Amino acid sequence: MTSVLQGGRRRRRPGGRFARLLFVLVPLAVVVAVVVGFRHDRHSAPAPPPPVRAQVRPGATPSPGTAAPDPAQAALAGADAFRLKFKDPPRAGIVFDVTTGQVLWRRNPLKRTPIASLTKIMTALLVVEQTRARDEIRIPKDALNYVGSGVGLLPKGRHVTIEALLHGLLLPSGNDAAIALADGVAGSRGQFVEQMNEKAQMLGLRCTHFASPSGIDDRDHSCAADLAALTRIVMGKVRIERIVRKAHAAVRFPIKGGKLYLNNTNPLLRMDYRGTIGLKTGDTNNAGHCLIAVVRRGGRTLAAIVLHSPNPQLQVRRLFARAFHAV
C-alpha cells in the first residue's frame, strides 16, 4: 500500500511509484540469487560420499564407528617436548600420551613403511568388535600352512575359543592364529583383509594398507602416526589390554594336557621393565625390527613406536626415560 489517511483525506506517499517498483524487484532479485547460488554449489561442491563402514557379521557386536582425530594433523601439530638423537635412528617413530594423544617426540611420523606383525593389532581390534570371548571357531586346514612365527599347536578341525586364539595372536605373534581368526570371523582371509582396510579408511588412517591378517605380507604398510592412533583405540579395548600386558599366559586349549603355554615377544615385558602394559612387536626382513611399547607410570600412560629400528628395546627405553622426565 503506497498511501496513508491523514486528516480524513487520502494523501499519496512521496515516491510511491518507486516503492511499488522495489516491491516487485527485490523479491525477484532474491529468487535469482538463490537459484544461481544453488546451481553454482551443485556444480562446484558435490556432496561427499557416504562414510565407509566395516562389515559386521549378523549377530556380532558392531564397531562404534567413530573415527579418531586425523592422525596426520595430530602428528604434525605442536613442538616436541624433548629432543633425542640416535647414532643409528629408527626409520620412523613417535612418542605420545595414550590418554590425551599429545605427541611428545616424532621422527618421520608420516613415512609409509612395512610394519610386519604390528598388523595384528588391527586384526585383534576387528575380532573383539565382532565376537565374544567365549565364542568358538573351528581351526581350518590352511591355518596349519603358515610361514613365520606361530603358535604351532593348533588342532585342525577342533573348536577353539576366540580368547585362546587372541592370546596366540598377540603374545607369540602367531601367524597361524591370525589365519584361523580371519577365516572364523569373516569366512576367508580375503574378506577379512577387506574389513581391515575398510576399518582403516573409516578411522582416517591414510598411510595404512593391509594385505594379510598377520603382517607376513610385505605389502602391509602404515606409518608411525597411524599406528599411534590405532594404539589409542586398541588399548581402550579391555579384552586386548588384558592380554598384551601379560609376559606369560596359560590358556585352555583342546590339546594333550588341556593348556597352552605362551610367552610374549615384547622385550620390555620379558625384562620386567617398570610399568609396561603392552603392546606388540613386528619383525621381517623388509620391515626390520618394529615395536609398539606402552608404559604406565605415575598416572600417565605413554607409548613409544619405533619402525625399522636397529635395537627397539634400547631405543624405546631411552625414549621413555626422556619422555617421562619431560611430562
Foldseek 3Di string as FASTA:
>chain_A
DQWDDDPNDIDGHPPSVVVVVCVPVVVVVVVVVVVVVVVCCVPPPPDDDDAQAFDADPPFAGDPLDADPQLVCQVPDDDALDDDDDPFAFQWKWKAFLVPSHTRDIDPQFDKFQAFQLLQLLLVVVLVRGDDQADKFAQDPCLQVDDDWALNDADHGDIDTLLVLLLRCWARNHPSSQQRSCCRGQVGQVSSQVSSVSVCVSNNQVSFHDDGNRSPDRVGIGGNSSSSSSVSVSCVDVSQQVNFQDQKDWDADPDVVRIRITGGPPPCVVVVPAFWRDDHWGDDPRFATWDWTWGDDPNTIMIMTGINGPDVVVVVVVVVVVVVVSD
